[in-house]
Amino acid sequence: MAGTLKVGTITTTSGSGIITIPNGVSMTGQNYPSFRALATDGTAYPSGAYTKFVFGTELWDTDNAFTNNEFTVPSDKAGKYWFNWRLKASGIDDNEYHVSTLYKNGSILNSTGQKDYANGSDQQVITTGSVILDLVVGDVIAVYGQHNEGAERTMFGGTTDADDASFFEGIRIGT
């Protein structure tokens, strides 16, 4: 028998504690915004300054909140968000670096990314990051990268997850 249960609050019989969802039972309708986008292959990546990465292929965007290579917290969706990214650049030489980080509302969020050095000539250098942020409605998050190769480099992108692409993804994990 299928039916609909409409309640305002679910609590344990004691009024506090943990409610367990048994194995084999799934819940739907959590309505947590999420997105995943892949970088645009071959996009120019200048040397010496933080540059916003271009993510031209959206694999999904549940709330239409990922536009212009940025995620904006939708109305009524403030809370804790998990973000994960990978930036891949080519042609980085020995002792040169590639770094990635997040920006929030146009300002760098220090300690959110990774800096990695090439260990030879003309290397592909990958940087990654993963962070949980407490955000309010309207906060804007973007991924930036920087390298010191001295010449313009190329971003690795793709159109499917099978491609070895740079990516940016996020999901609201709670309030």
Protein backbone atom coordinates (compact mmCIF):
# COMPACT_ATOMS: atom_id res chain seq x y z
CA MET A 1 0.00 0.00 0.00
CA ALA A 2 1.40 3.38 -0.98
CA GLY A 3 0.41 6.62 0.63
CA THR A 4 1.53 10.06 1.62
CA LEU A 5 2.64 11.05 5.08
CA LYS A 6 2.39 14.77 5.75
CA VAL A 7 3.99 16.02 8.95
CA GLY A 8 5.73 19.14 10.16
CA THR A 9 8.28 17.44 12.42
CA ILE A 10 9.44 13.89 12.96
CA THR A 11 10.93 13.04 16.36
CA THR A 12 11.70 9.91 18.35
CA THR A 13 9.21 8.82 20.98
CA SER A 14 11.37 10.47 23.64
CA GLY A 15 11.45 13.74 21.68
CA SER A 16 15.17 13.62 20.93
CA GLY A 17 17.77 11.25 19.56
CA ILE A 18 18.35 9.61 16.22
CA ILE A 19 15.77 8.30 13.78
CA THR A 20 17.11 5.37 11.78
CA ILE A 21 16.11 4.75 8.17
CA PRO A 22 16.30 0.98 7.59
CA ASN A 23 18.34 -0.56 4.78
CA GLY A 24 16.39 -0.83 1.56
CA VAL A 25 14.39 2.34 2.28
CA SER A 26 15.25 5.47 0.35
CA MET A 27 14.26 9.07 0.83
CA THR A 28 13.57 11.54 -1.94
CA GLY A 29 12.93 15.23 -2.12
CA GLN A 30 15.86 16.49 -0.05
CA ASN A 31 16.15 19.37 -2.53
CA TYR A 32 19.83 20.02 -1.95
CA PRO A 33 21.33 22.03 -4.79
CA SER A 34 24.20 20.35 -6.59
CA PHE A 35 26.20 20.84 -9.78
CA ARG A 36 29.14 19.39 -11.70
CA ALA A 37 30.88 21.15 -14.57
CA LEU A 38 33.91 20.36 -16.73
CA ALA A 39 36.44 22.90 -17.93
CA THR A 40 36.43 24.01 -21.54
CA ASP A 41 39.31 22.25 -23.29
CA GLY A 42 42.02 24.48 -24.72
CA THR A 43 41.02 27.68 -22.91
CA ALA A 44 43.92 30.12 -22.61
CA TYR A 45 45.43 30.29 -19.14
CA PRO A 46 47.73 33.31 -18.68
CA SER A 47 50.80 33.26 -16.43
CA GLY A 48 51.35 35.18 -13.21
CA ALA A 49 47.87 36.13 -12.01
CA TYR A 50 44.90 34.28 -10.58
CA THR A 51 42.53 33.45 -13.42
CA LYS A 52 38.95 32.19 -13.16
CA PHE A 53 38.72 28.78 -14.80
CA VAL A 54 36.16 28.38 -17.59
CA PHE A 55 33.72 25.49 -17.05
CA GLY A 56 31.79 25.25 -20.30
CA THR A 57 30.20 21.82 -19.92
CA GLU A 58 27.61 21.42 -17.18
CA LEU A 59 26.93 17.77 -16.46
CA TRP A 60 24.13 18.79 -14.10
CA ASP A 61 22.88 21.80 -12.19
CA THR A 62 19.81 21.01 -10.09
CA ASP A 63 18.87 24.61 -9.27
CA ASN A 64 20.27 26.56 -12.23
CA ALA A 65 22.70 28.11 -9.75
CA PHE A 66 25.88 27.53 -11.77
CA THR A 67 26.28 30.24 -14.42
CA ASN A 68 29.21 32.24 -15.79
CA ASN A 69 31.61 29.70 -14.24
CA GLU A 70 30.34 30.49 -10.72
CA PHE A 71 27.98 28.92 -8.22
CA THR A 72 25.53 31.30 -6.50
CA VAL A 73 23.64 30.09 -3.42
CA PRO A 74 19.93 30.06 -4.41
CA SER A 75 17.09 31.62 -2.41
CA ASP A 76 16.15 29.64 0.70
CA LYS A 77 19.24 27.38 0.23
CA ALA A 78 21.72 28.87 2.73
CA GLY A 79 23.76 26.29 4.61
CA LYS A 80 26.84 24.15 4.51
CA TYR A 81 28.18 23.30 1.07
CA TRP A 82 30.89 20.85 0.02
CA PHE A 83 32.96 21.87 -3.01
CA ASN A 84 35.49 19.74 -4.86
CA TRP A 85 37.67 20.63 -7.84
CA ARG A 86 40.59 19.62 -10.00
CA LEU A 87 42.55 21.94 -12.30
CA LYS A 88 44.92 20.52 -14.86
CA ALA A 89 47.36 22.62 -16.88
CA SER A 90 50.00 21.61 -19.41
CA GLY A 91 53.50 22.84 -20.19
CA ILE A 92 54.64 23.61 -16.64
CA ASP A 93 58.43 23.25 -16.32
CA ASP A 94 60.80 22.15 -13.56
CA ASN A 95 60.40 24.20 -10.34
CA GLU A 96 57.43 26.10 -11.76
CA TYR A 97 54.10 25.81 -9.96
CA HIS A 98 50.40 25.58 -10.55
CA VAL A 99 47.98 26.51 -7.74
CA SER A 100 44.20 26.39 -7.38
CA THR A 101 41.88 28.04 -4.89
CA LEU A 102 38.31 29.17 -4.37
CA TYR A 103 37.07 32.73 -4.44
CA LYS A 104 34.01 33.79 -2.45
CA ASN A 105 32.19 36.95 -3.52
CA GLY A 106 35.23 38.05 -5.52
CA SER A 107 37.85 37.52 -2.78
CA ILE A 108 40.33 34.69 -2.43
CA LEU A 109 39.66 32.09 0.25
CA ASN A 110 43.15 31.31 1.50
CA SER A 111 43.99 27.71 2.39
CA THR A 112 41.29 26.22 0.18
CA GLY A 113 43.48 24.91 -2.59
CA GLN A 114 46.72 23.21 -3.45
CA LYS A 115 50.05 24.33 -4.92
CA ASP A 116 52.05 21.78 -6.86
CA TYR A 117 55.42 22.04 -8.63
CA ALA A 118 56.52 20.41 -11.87
CA ASN A 119 59.34 17.90 -11.57
CA GLY A 120 60.56 18.11 -15.13
CA SER A 121 60.14 19.89 -18.43
CA ASP A 122 56.73 20.42 -20.08
CA GLN A 123 54.72 18.64 -17.36
CA GLN A 124 50.98 18.33 -16.86
CA VAL A 125 50.37 19.60 -13.33
CA ILE A 126 47.16 18.83 -11.48
CA THR A 127 45.95 20.68 -8.39
CA THR A 128 42.92 19.69 -6.36
CA GLY A 129 40.86 21.00 -3.52
CA SER A 130 37.93 20.06 -1.33
CA VAL A 131 36.30 22.24 1.30
CA ILE A 132 33.10 22.70 3.30
CA LEU A 133 31.84 26.29 3.56
CA ASP A 134 28.95 27.83 5.50
CA LEU A 135 27.22 30.08 2.96
CA VAL A 136 24.32 32.50 2.86
CA VAL A 137 21.89 33.22 0.02
CA GLY A 138 23.64 35.10 -2.77
CA ASP A 139 27.21 34.02 -1.92
CA VAL A 140 29.18 33.39 -5.12
CA ILE A 141 31.88 30.70 -5.35
CA ALA A 142 34.36 30.30 -8.22
CA VAL A 143 37.57 28.33 -8.89
CA TYR A 144 40.73 30.21 -9.78
CA GLY A 145 44.15 29.00 -10.80
CA GLN A 146 47.58 30.53 -11.13
CA HIS A 147 50.88 29.35 -12.59
CA ASN A 148 54.30 30.93 -13.03
CA GLU A 149 55.38 29.24 -16.27
CA GLY A 150 56.02 32.64 -17.88
CA ALA A 151 53.87 31.99 -20.94
CA GLU A 152 50.22 31.28 -21.56
CA ARG A 153 49.25 27.66 -20.89
CA THR A 154 46.20 25.58 -21.79
CA MET A 155 43.43 24.30 -19.52
CA PHE A 156 42.49 20.64 -19.83
CA GLY A 157 38.77 20.23 -20.30
CA GLY A 158 36.25 17.88 -21.78
CA THR A 159 32.62 17.13 -22.41
CA THR A 160 32.17 13.88 -20.46
CA ASP A 161 33.39 12.48 -17.15
CA ALA A 162 35.43 9.98 -19.19
CA ASP A 163 37.65 12.86 -20.32
CA ASP A 164 40.62 13.68 -18.11
CA ALA A 165 39.18 17.13 -17.52
CA SER A 166 39.45 19.86 -14.96
CA PHE A 167 36.17 19.98 -13.02
CA PHE A 168 34.24 21.88 -10.35
CA GLU A 169 31.40 20.36 -8.34
CA GLY A 170 29.42 21.15 -5.23
CA ILE A 171 26.44 20.11 -3.13
CA ARG A 172 24.59 21.49 -0.14
CA ILE A 173 25.11 19.04 2.73
CA GLY A 174 23.11 20.69 5.48
CA THR A 175 21.82 23.84 7.09
